[in-house]
Every structure is written in C-alpha cells, then in structure tokens.
Amino acid sequence: MTAWLRWLTLPLLIVVFASASSPAIAQRTPRFLFPALAIAGAALLVRSVIRAARNLRHGERRSTIRLVMLAVATVLFVVLPGTRFVHMMTPSAPGAPRILTGFGDWRGAEGYPRLDRHRGIDVKAPVGADVLAAAEGRITVARDSGDLCGLIVVVVHDPHGYRTIHCHLSAISVKVGDTVTRGQRIGALGTTGQRAWPGYEHVHLELQRGADPEDLHDPLSRTVGCFDASAQYPVDRLVLTYPVPC
C-alpha cells in the first residue's frame, strides 16, 4: 500500500494542479478540498524524496533518475508554494495591500507554476471587500466571463487609451455605460473563475492599452498608492490607485 501511494504522489499533484486551474471543476468543489489534497500530496512527495535518497545512499543506482524527478517535483509543488505562503504571511509595506502575484510572474497566487506569464497583478483582500475603480473611466464590460476571470468589470480610461480589467468579483455594482470616478466601488471581491484557495483571495487587475488584449502593461508601474479622497491626481496622464481599500 505504501509503495502504491508513493507512485500516486506525482499524478495526484498534477491532477490537483489541473483541476484547481479549471473553473468548471474548482467552482463545483468545496474550497478546502484542493488545499487539503495539495498538502497530502506534498507530504507524500517529501517522504518519497527521503526514501529515494536513502536508497541511493545504500547503492541502489536505479534510484538516481527517480530522485532527480522527485527533487524537481518537490521544488515545483512544495518549495515554490511554501515560499509564497511565507510571503503572504509576512507584513506588507505600510499603506499598501499585499501583492500575491506580480506582472509577468510565472507563479500563480498560491505559488504553483503557471503555463504562461501572469497578465496583471493579484491584489489580496478579504472576500466581500470593496473593489474600487483604479482611475476615472467608463464601464464597457460588467458580466460573468464564464472563464478563469469569473465576474469581470472593464473600465476604459479616456482619453489615455488604456483600460483596466478586474476579475474574480463576487458581485458587480455597475453596468455597461456607467461613468465611474477614481475610488468608486464597482463590485465586491470574490472567488469566481479560477477560485482562489482560502487565505489567497484577491482581485486580479490587468492594464491593457487600446483594443489589443495582448498589449499588456504592468499596473504597478502606474500605481501611485492607495485611494485618497483628499489627494489631487494628475489628469494629463493615467495614474492608478489600488483596486481595494488600504
């Protein structure tokens, strides 16, 4: 039974990774299921690495390739999520929300490897927290996307030629055609689309230029801080504030 479980370790982690990345599956399972399976798989993986290392030390050369494969899997499925967990638990910079995933990151919010570079930033906040417009603009999309984004709100920032995309909302409080001001509530943070694990809830924020969805820019490069109703913001260029209250 033990050997059978060891051989299931890597396939189990791959299934968890693939299932958690599918909204159709993730939205239909209890939120604690995939974290629990991931913890169990990580424990089995570490145990398998230790056993393979012992066998190699005892002269079983056939364990070399297996040990290398297990070591790589340990980095991907144990070390990377572990470092993200530590990062999440450490205090964020004063006056700024926690950024779980940065622009262009090859890891997701929970720290697992991604198949492509991250298109925006993931800003951590509790479920139900207000999602705020990052700048003045006009609502062009406010609906359920039916994909990884979940409930989505898109704000076009005229005349600067940019638009911001907000994903994973639990509720939308604006409609297409509305004009919003900086810091206005446009919805509530949730776990729709690619459901975040407990403790990793966030709003995904993208910054695109023009009509090309692949013309992506780092939102943090234009973010000047948390929204302050008493502050004066430039009008000759686009500057953003964080999409959640600080």
C-alpha atoms as a PDB file:
ATOM      1  CA  MET A   1       0.000   0.000   0.000  1.00  0.00           C
ATOM      2  CA  THR A   2       2.829   2.419   0.873  1.00  0.00           C
ATOM      3  CA  ALA A   3       4.592   1.818  -2.453  1.00  0.00           C
ATOM      4  CA  TRP A   4       1.302   2.248  -4.288  1.00  0.00           C
ATOM      5  CA  LEU A   5       0.724   5.607  -2.581  1.00  0.00           C
ATOM      6  CA  ARG A   6       4.258   6.757  -3.421  1.00  0.00           C
ATOM      7  CA  TRP A   7       3.716   6.100  -7.107  1.00  0.00           C
ATOM      8  CA  LEU A   8       0.461   8.092  -6.929  1.00  0.00           C
ATOM      9  CA  THR A   9       2.145  11.153  -5.418  1.00  0.00           C
ATOM     10  CA  LEU A  10       3.158  12.976  -8.603  1.00  0.00           C
ATOM     11  CA  PRO A  11      -0.022  12.103 -10.575  1.00  0.00           C
ATOM     12  CA  LEU A  12      -2.078  13.294  -7.595  1.00  0.00           C
ATOM     13  CA  LEU A  13      -0.291  16.652  -7.552  1.00  0.00           C
ATOM     14  CA  ILE A  14      -0.736  17.061 -11.308  1.00  0.00           C
ATOM     15  CA  VAL A  15      -4.467  16.285 -11.045  1.00  0.00           C
ATOM     16  CA  VAL A  16      -4.842  18.792  -8.202  1.00  0.00           C
ATOM     17  CA  PHE A  17      -2.966  21.438 -10.195  1.00  0.00           C
ATOM     18  CA  ALA A  18      -5.025  20.874 -13.356  1.00  0.00           C
ATOM     19  CA  SER A  19      -8.371  20.672 -11.547  1.00  0.00           C
ATOM     20  CA  ALA A  20      -7.731  23.787  -9.472  1.00  0.00           C
ATOM     21  CA  SER A  21      -6.959  25.644 -12.725  1.00  0.00           C
ATOM     22  CA  SER A  22     -10.341  24.740 -14.220  1.00  0.00           C
ATOM     23  CA  PRO A  23     -13.256  27.000 -13.218  1.00  0.00           C
ATOM     24  CA  ALA A  24     -15.737  24.298 -14.205  1.00  0.00           C
ATOM     25  CA  ILE A  25     -14.191  21.966 -11.616  1.00  0.00           C
ATOM     26  CA  ALA A  26     -12.972  24.437  -8.993  1.00  0.00           C
ATOM     27  CA  GLN A  27     -16.354  26.148  -8.654  1.00  0.00           C
ATOM     28  CA  ARG A  28     -18.099  22.814  -8.019  1.00  0.00           C
ATOM     29  CA  THR A  29     -15.866  21.512  -5.241  1.00  0.00           C
ATOM     30  CA  PRO A  30     -15.504  22.563  -1.580  1.00  0.00           C
ATOM     31  CA  ARG A  31     -12.930  25.336  -1.195  1.00  0.00           C
ATOM     32  CA  PHE A  32     -10.796  23.300   1.209  1.00  0.00           C
ATOM     33  CA  LEU A  33     -10.635  20.172  -0.991  1.00  0.00           C
ATOM     34  CA  PHE A  34      -7.726  21.144  -3.240  1.00  0.00           C
ATOM     35  CA  PRO A  35      -5.614  22.677  -0.438  1.00  0.00           C
ATOM     36  CA  ALA A  36      -6.098  19.500   1.606  1.00  0.00           C
ATOM     37  CA  LEU A  37      -5.131  17.287  -1.351  1.00  0.00           C
ATOM     38  CA  ALA A  38      -2.135  19.503  -2.095  1.00  0.00           C
ATOM     39  CA  ILE A  39      -0.890  19.229   1.498  1.00  0.00           C
ATOM     40  CA  ALA A  40      -1.323  15.454   1.438  1.00  0.00           C
ATOM     41  CA  GLY A  41       0.465  15.210  -1.915  1.00  0.00           C
ATOM     42  CA  ALA A  42       3.313  17.428  -0.710  1.00  0.00           C
ATOM     43  CA  ALA A  43       3.784  15.265   2.383  1.00  0.00           C
ATOM     44  CA  LEU A  44       3.885  12.097   0.265  1.00  0.00           C
ATOM     45  CA  LEU A  45       6.285  13.767  -2.155  1.00  0.00           C
ATOM     46  CA  VAL A  46       8.726  14.776   0.578  1.00  0.00           C
ATOM     47  CA  ARG A  47       8.542  11.286   2.047  1.00  0.00           C
ATOM     48  CA  SER A  48       9.297   9.788  -1.378  1.00  0.00           C
ATOM     49  CA  VAL A  49      12.312  12.067  -1.802  1.00  0.00           C
ATOM     50  CA  ILE A  50      13.701  10.992   1.560  1.00  0.00           C
ATOM     51  CA  ARG A  51      13.186   7.312   0.751  1.00  0.00           C
ATOM     52  CA  ALA A  52      14.781   7.643  -2.708  1.00  0.00           C
ATOM     53  CA  ALA A  53      17.766   9.465  -1.177  1.00  0.00           C
ATOM     54  CA  ARG A  54      18.231   6.656   1.343  1.00  0.00           C
ATOM     55  CA  ASN A  55      18.080   4.018  -1.381  1.00  0.00           C
ATOM     56  CA  LEU A  56      20.666   5.919  -3.423  1.00  0.00           C
ATOM     57  CA  ARG A  57      22.962   6.147  -0.424  1.00  0.00           C
ATOM     58  CA  HIS A  58      22.685   2.394   0.003  1.00  0.00           C
ATOM     59  CA  GLY A  59      23.938   1.820  -3.516  1.00  0.00           C
ATOM     60  CA  GLU A  60      20.689   1.464  -5.474  1.00  0.00           C
ATOM     61  CA  ARG A  61      21.715   3.359  -8.617  1.00  0.00           C
ATOM     62  CA  ARG A  62      18.314   2.892 -10.199  1.00  0.00           C
ATOM     63  CA  SER A  63      17.015   5.467  -7.691  1.00  0.00           C
ATOM     64  CA  THR A  64      19.117   8.267  -9.225  1.00  0.00           C
ATOM     65  CA  ILE A  65      16.697   9.240 -12.009  1.00  0.00           C
ATOM     66  CA  ARG A  66      13.719   8.867  -9.710  1.00  0.00           C
ATOM     67  CA  LEU A  67      15.407  11.038  -7.088  1.00  0.00           C
ATOM     68  CA  VAL A  68      16.077  13.775  -9.639  1.00  0.00           C
ATOM     69  CA  MET A  69      12.463  13.707 -10.840  1.00  0.00           C
ATOM     70  CA  LEU A  70      11.162  13.820  -7.292  1.00  0.00           C
ATOM     71  CA  ALA A  71      13.522  16.662  -6.415  1.00  0.00           C
ATOM     72  CA  VAL A  72      12.263  18.744  -9.361  1.00  0.00           C
ATOM     73  CA  ALA A  73       8.663  17.993  -8.400  1.00  0.00           C
ATOM     74  CA  THR A  74       9.441  18.996  -4.805  1.00  0.00           C
ATOM     75  CA  VAL A  75      10.714  22.378  -5.941  1.00  0.00           C
ATOM     76  CA  LEU A  76       7.627  22.965  -8.105  1.00  0.00           C
ATOM     77  CA  PHE A  77       4.947  21.648  -5.761  1.00  0.00           C
ATOM     78  CA  VAL A  78       6.429  22.127  -2.272  1.00  0.00           C
ATOM     79  CA  VAL A  79       9.167  24.771  -2.231  1.00  0.00           C
ATOM     80  CA  LEU A  80       7.514  27.354  -4.505  1.00  0.00           C
ATOM     81  CA  PRO A  81       4.099  27.207  -2.765  1.00  0.00           C
ATOM     82  CA  GLY A  82       5.901  27.224   0.583  1.00  0.00           C
ATOM     83  CA  THR A  83       7.795  30.410  -0.197  1.00  0.00           C
ATOM     84  CA  ARG A  84       4.583  32.049  -1.447  1.00  0.00           C
ATOM     85  CA  PHE A  85       2.868  31.098   1.824  1.00  0.00           C
ATOM     86  CA  VAL A  86       5.692  32.687   3.819  1.00  0.00           C
ATOM     87  CA  HIS A  87       5.483  35.789   1.615  1.00  0.00           C
ATOM     88  CA  MET A  88       1.731  36.002   2.188  1.00  0.00           C
ATOM     89  CA  MET A  89       2.141  35.758   5.971  1.00  0.00           C
ATOM     90  CA  THR A  90       4.784  38.476   6.269  1.00  0.00           C
ATOM     91  CA  PRO A  91       3.589  42.073   6.763  1.00  0.00           C
ATOM     92  CA  SER A  92       3.076  44.085   3.588  1.00  0.00           C
ATOM     93  CA  ALA A  93       4.533  47.538   3.053  1.00  0.00           C
ATOM     94  CA  PRO A  94       2.867  50.218   5.182  1.00  0.00           C
ATOM     95  CA  GLY A  95      -0.137  51.738   3.459  1.00  0.00           C
ATOM     96  CA  ALA A  96      -0.254  49.182   0.642  1.00  0.00           C
ATOM     97  CA  PRO A  97      -2.155  45.926   0.102  1.00  0.00           C
ATOM     98  CA  ARG A  98      -0.400  42.584  -0.354  1.00  0.00           C
ATOM     99  CA  ILE A  99       0.504  41.760  -3.963  1.00  0.00           C
ATOM    100  CA  LEU A 100       0.343  37.969  -4.284  1.00  0.00           C
ATOM    101  CA  THR A 101       1.349  37.727  -7.938  1.00  0.00           C
ATOM    102  CA  GLY A 102       3.162  40.357  -9.956  1.00  0.00           C
ATOM    103  CA  PHE A 103       3.015  41.242 -13.623  1.00  0.00           C
ATOM    104  CA  GLY A 104       4.811  38.644 -15.747  1.00  0.00           C
ATOM    105  CA  ASP A 105       5.170  36.202 -12.845  1.00  0.00           C
ATOM    106  CA  TRP A 106       5.467  32.509 -13.723  1.00  0.00           C
ATOM    107  CA  ARG A 107       3.718  31.541 -10.480  1.00  0.00           C
ATOM    108  CA  GLY A 108       0.069  31.839  -9.536  1.00  0.00           C
ATOM    109  CA  ALA A 109      -1.393  33.348  -6.373  1.00  0.00           C
ATOM    110  CA  GLU A 110      -0.790  30.139  -4.383  1.00  0.00           C
ATOM    111  CA  GLY A 111       2.774  29.835  -5.651  1.00  0.00           C
ATOM    112  CA  TYR A 112       2.317  26.949  -8.089  1.00  0.00           C
ATOM    113  CA  PRO A 113       3.948  27.221 -11.540  1.00  0.00           C
ATOM    114  CA  ARG A 114       1.917  28.711 -14.373  1.00  0.00           C
ATOM    115  CA  LEU A 115       1.887  27.648 -18.011  1.00  0.00           C
ATOM    116  CA  ASP A 116       2.146  31.276 -19.131  1.00  0.00           C
ATOM    117  CA  ARG A 117       3.240  34.601 -17.691  1.00  0.00           C
ATOM    118  CA  HIS A 118       0.813  36.419 -15.420  1.00  0.00           C
ATOM    119  CA  ARG A 119      -1.101  39.105 -17.295  1.00  0.00           C
ATOM    120  CA  GLY A 120      -1.614  41.502 -14.388  1.00  0.00           C
ATOM    121  CA  ILE A 121      -1.304  41.671 -10.616  1.00  0.00           C
ATOM    122  CA  ASP A 122      -3.223  39.835  -7.887  1.00  0.00           C
ATOM    123  CA  VAL A 123      -4.089  42.181  -5.025  1.00  0.00           C
ATOM    124  CA  LYS A 124      -5.024  40.402  -1.803  1.00  0.00           C
ATOM    125  CA  ALA A 125      -8.124  41.368   0.189  1.00  0.00           C
ATOM    126  CA  PRO A 126     -10.862  39.503   2.085  1.00  0.00           C
ATOM    127  CA  VAL A 127     -13.945  38.152   0.351  1.00  0.00           C
ATOM    128  CA  GLY A 128     -16.614  40.828   0.231  1.00  0.00           C
ATOM    129  CA  ALA A 129     -14.144  43.722   0.308  1.00  0.00           C
ATOM    130  CA  ASP A 130     -14.960  46.631  -1.974  1.00  0.00           C
ATOM    131  CA  VAL A 131     -13.341  46.561  -5.412  1.00  0.00           C
ATOM    132  CA  LEU A 132     -12.562  50.133  -6.441  1.00  0.00           C
ATOM    133  CA  ALA A 133     -12.081  51.817  -9.785  1.00  0.00           C
ATOM    134  CA  ALA A 134      -8.339  52.453 -10.144  1.00  0.00           C
ATOM    135  CA  ALA A 135      -8.983  55.671 -12.106  1.00  0.00           C
ATOM    136  CA  GLU A 136     -11.820  57.618 -13.705  1.00  0.00           C
ATOM    137  CA  GLY A 137     -13.387  55.907 -16.670  1.00  0.00           C
ATOM    138  CA  ARG A 138     -16.308  54.328 -18.465  1.00  0.00           C
ATOM    139  CA  ILE A 139     -17.658  50.802 -17.894  1.00  0.00           C
ATOM    140  CA  THR A 140     -17.564  48.716 -21.066  1.00  0.00           C
ATOM    141  CA  VAL A 141     -17.886  45.189 -19.611  1.00  0.00           C
ATOM    142  CA  ALA A 142     -19.727  44.073 -16.464  1.00  0.00           C
ATOM    143  CA  ARG A 143     -20.735  40.410 -16.569  1.00  0.00           C
ATOM    144  CA  ASP A 144     -19.788  36.824 -15.839  1.00  0.00           C
ATOM    145  CA  SER A 145     -16.988  35.967 -18.274  1.00  0.00           C
ATOM    146  CA  GLY A 146     -17.540  32.228 -17.846  1.00  0.00           C
ATOM    147  CA  ASP A 147     -13.785  31.610 -17.826  1.00  0.00           C
ATOM    148  CA  LEU A 148     -10.799  31.988 -15.496  1.00  0.00           C
ATOM    149  CA  CYS A 149     -11.680  35.634 -14.848  1.00  0.00           C
ATOM    150  CA  GLY A 150     -15.140  34.942 -13.423  1.00  0.00           C
ATOM    151  CA  LEU A 151     -17.186  38.076 -12.757  1.00  0.00           C
ATOM    152  CA  ILE A 152     -15.397  40.795 -14.705  1.00  0.00           C
ATOM    153  CA  VAL A 153     -15.545  44.597 -14.874  1.00  0.00           C
ATOM    154  CA  VAL A 154     -13.658  46.527 -17.547  1.00  0.00           C
ATOM    155  CA  VAL A 155     -13.088  50.275 -17.245  1.00  0.00           C
ATOM    156  CA  VAL A 156     -11.888  52.325 -20.230  1.00  0.00           C
ATOM    157  CA  HIS A 157      -9.824  55.346 -19.236  1.00  0.00           C
ATOM    158  CA  ASP A 158     -10.346  58.037 -21.860  1.00  0.00           C
ATOM    159  CA  PRO A 159      -8.527  59.902 -23.285  1.00  0.00           C
ATOM    160  CA  HIS A 160      -5.420  57.981 -22.247  1.00  0.00           C
ATOM    161  CA  GLY A 161      -6.097  54.904 -24.385  1.00  0.00           C
ATOM    162  CA  TYR A 162      -5.885  52.399 -21.534  1.00  0.00           C
ATOM    163  CA  ARG A 163      -8.351  50.075 -19.856  1.00  0.00           C
ATOM    164  CA  THR A 164      -8.272  48.151 -16.591  1.00  0.00           C
ATOM    165  CA  ILE A 165      -9.737  44.666 -16.162  1.00  0.00           C
ATOM    166  CA  HIS A 166     -10.921  43.446 -12.753  1.00  0.00           C
ATOM    167  CA  CYS A 167     -11.508  39.709 -12.224  1.00  0.00           C
ATOM    168  CA  HIS A 168     -12.866  37.289  -9.594  1.00  0.00           C
ATOM    169  CA  LEU A 169     -15.578  39.579  -8.223  1.00  0.00           C
ATOM    170  CA  SER A 170     -18.429  38.138  -6.157  1.00  0.00           C
ATOM    171  CA  ALA A 171     -20.824  40.957  -7.096  1.00  0.00           C
ATOM    172  CA  ILE A 172     -20.919  43.782  -9.634  1.00  0.00           C
ATOM    173  CA  SER A 173     -22.339  47.168  -8.685  1.00  0.00           C
ATOM    174  CA  VAL A 174     -22.010  48.963 -12.039  1.00  0.00           C
ATOM    175  CA  LYS A 175     -23.404  48.432 -15.515  1.00  0.00           C
ATOM    176  CA  VAL A 176     -22.150  48.973 -19.040  1.00  0.00           C
ATOM    177  CA  GLY A 177     -22.200  52.652 -19.958  1.00  0.00           C
ATOM    178  CA  ASP A 178     -21.735  53.947 -16.406  1.00  0.00           C
ATOM    179  CA  THR A 179     -19.097  56.584 -15.748  1.00  0.00           C
ATOM    180  CA  VAL A 180     -17.086  55.956 -12.595  1.00  0.00           C
ATOM    181  CA  THR A 181     -14.730  58.095 -10.555  1.00  0.00           C
ATOM    182  CA  ARG A 182     -11.447  57.032  -9.016  1.00  0.00           C
ATOM    183  CA  GLY A 183     -12.057  55.059  -5.830  1.00  0.00           C
ATOM    184  CA  GLN A 184     -15.715  54.357  -6.625  1.00  0.00           C
ATOM    185  CA  ARG A 185     -17.000  50.931  -5.659  1.00  0.00           C
ATOM    186  CA  ILE A 186     -17.541  48.798  -8.762  1.00  0.00           C
ATOM    187  CA  GLY A 187     -18.141  45.476  -7.030  1.00  0.00           C
ATOM    188  CA  ALA A 188     -17.134  43.113  -4.254  1.00  0.00           C
ATOM    189  CA  LEU A 189     -14.134  40.809  -4.128  1.00  0.00           C
ATOM    190  CA  GLY A 190     -14.847  37.112  -4.515  1.00  0.00           C
ATOM    191  CA  THR A 191     -13.528  33.797  -5.788  1.00  0.00           C
ATOM    192  CA  THR A 192     -15.300  33.421  -9.138  1.00  0.00           C
ATOM    193  CA  GLY A 193     -13.492  31.983 -12.136  1.00  0.00           C
ATOM    194  CA  GLN A 194     -10.247  30.317 -11.098  1.00  0.00           C
ATOM    195  CA  ARG A 195     -11.225  30.041  -7.458  1.00  0.00           C
ATOM    196  CA  ALA A 196      -8.585  31.214  -5.006  1.00  0.00           C
ATOM    197  CA  TRP A 197      -7.716  28.992  -2.070  1.00  0.00           C
ATOM    198  CA  PRO A 198      -8.750  30.129   1.432  1.00  0.00           C
ATOM    199  CA  GLY A 199      -6.401  32.875   2.549  1.00  0.00           C
ATOM    200  CA  TYR A 200      -5.322  33.722  -1.017  1.00  0.00           C
ATOM    201  CA  GLU A 201      -8.429  35.667  -2.081  1.00  0.00           C
ATOM    202  CA  HIS A 202      -7.611  38.558  -4.399  1.00  0.00           C
ATOM    203  CA  VAL A 203      -8.748  40.790  -7.235  1.00  0.00           C
ATOM    204  CA  HIS A 204      -6.874  40.310 -10.491  1.00  0.00           C
ATOM    205  CA  LEU A 205      -6.069  43.645 -12.138  1.00  0.00           C
ATOM    206  CA  GLU A 206      -4.870  43.987 -15.733  1.00  0.00           C
ATOM    207  CA  LEU A 207      -3.824  47.085 -17.628  1.00  0.00           C
ATOM    208  CA  GLN A 208      -4.248  46.999 -21.414  1.00  0.00           C
ATOM    209  CA  ARG A 209      -3.620  49.681 -24.000  1.00  0.00           C
ATOM    210  CA  GLY A 210      -6.006  50.186 -26.902  1.00  0.00           C
ATOM    211  CA  ALA A 211      -8.189  47.391 -28.227  1.00  0.00           C
ATOM    212  CA  ASP A 212      -5.433  44.767 -28.318  1.00  0.00           C
ATOM    213  CA  PRO A 213      -5.846  42.396 -25.330  1.00  0.00           C
ATOM    214  CA  GLU A 214      -2.215  41.347 -25.702  1.00  0.00           C
ATOM    215  CA  ASP A 215      -0.876  44.908 -25.361  1.00  0.00           C
ATOM    216  CA  LEU A 216      -0.318  44.461 -21.636  1.00  0.00           C
ATOM    217  CA  HIS A 217       1.388  46.777 -19.179  1.00  0.00           C
ATOM    218  CA  ASP A 218       2.370  46.460 -15.531  1.00  0.00           C
ATOM    219  CA  PRO A 219      -0.335  48.159 -13.429  1.00  0.00           C
ATOM    220  CA  LEU A 220       2.157  48.772 -10.629  1.00  0.00           C
ATOM    221  CA  SER A 221       4.261  50.956 -12.920  1.00  0.00           C
ATOM    222  CA  ARG A 222       1.382  53.463 -12.904  1.00  0.00           C
ATOM    223  CA  THR A 223       0.123  52.905  -9.368  1.00  0.00           C
ATOM    224  CA  VAL A 224       0.776  55.816  -7.016  1.00  0.00           C
ATOM    225  CA  GLY A 225      -0.699  54.327  -3.833  1.00  0.00           C
ATOM    226  CA  CYS A 226      -3.994  53.817  -2.066  1.00  0.00           C
ATOM    227  CA  PHE A 227      -7.002  55.911  -2.993  1.00  0.00           C
ATOM    228  CA  ASP A 228      -7.181  59.141  -1.013  1.00  0.00           C
ATOM    229  CA  ALA A 229     -10.305  61.253  -1.492  1.00  0.00           C
ATOM    230  CA  SER A 230      -8.401  64.382  -0.447  1.00  0.00           C
ATOM    231  CA  ALA A 231      -5.488  63.865  -2.870  1.00  0.00           C
ATOM    232  CA  GLN A 232      -5.066  65.570  -6.234  1.00  0.00           C
ATOM    233  CA  TYR A 233      -4.201  63.191  -9.088  1.00  0.00           C
ATOM    234  CA  PRO A 234      -2.698  64.117 -12.472  1.00  0.00           C
ATOM    235  CA  VAL A 235      -5.123  64.496 -15.367  1.00  0.00           C
ATOM    236  CA  ASP A 236      -2.579  64.713 -18.192  1.00  0.00           C
ATOM    237  CA  ARG A 237      -1.570  61.074 -17.849  1.00  0.00           C
ATOM    238  CA  LEU A 238      -3.024  57.856 -16.452  1.00  0.00           C
ATOM    239  CA  VAL A 239      -2.146  57.081 -12.849  1.00  0.00           C
ATOM    240  CA  LEU A 240      -3.772  54.267 -10.909  1.00  0.00           C
ATOM    241  CA  THR A 241      -4.619  53.672  -7.280  1.00  0.00           C
ATOM    242  CA  TYR A 242      -5.009  50.237  -5.717  1.00  0.00           C
ATOM    243  CA  PRO A 243      -8.303  48.493  -6.559  1.00  0.00           C
ATOM    244  CA  VAL A 244      -9.028  47.663  -2.907  1.00  0.00           C
ATOM    245  CA  PRO A 245      -9.215  49.804   0.247  1.00  0.00           C
ATOM    246  CA  CYS A 246      -5.936  50.054   2.155  1.00  0.00           C
END
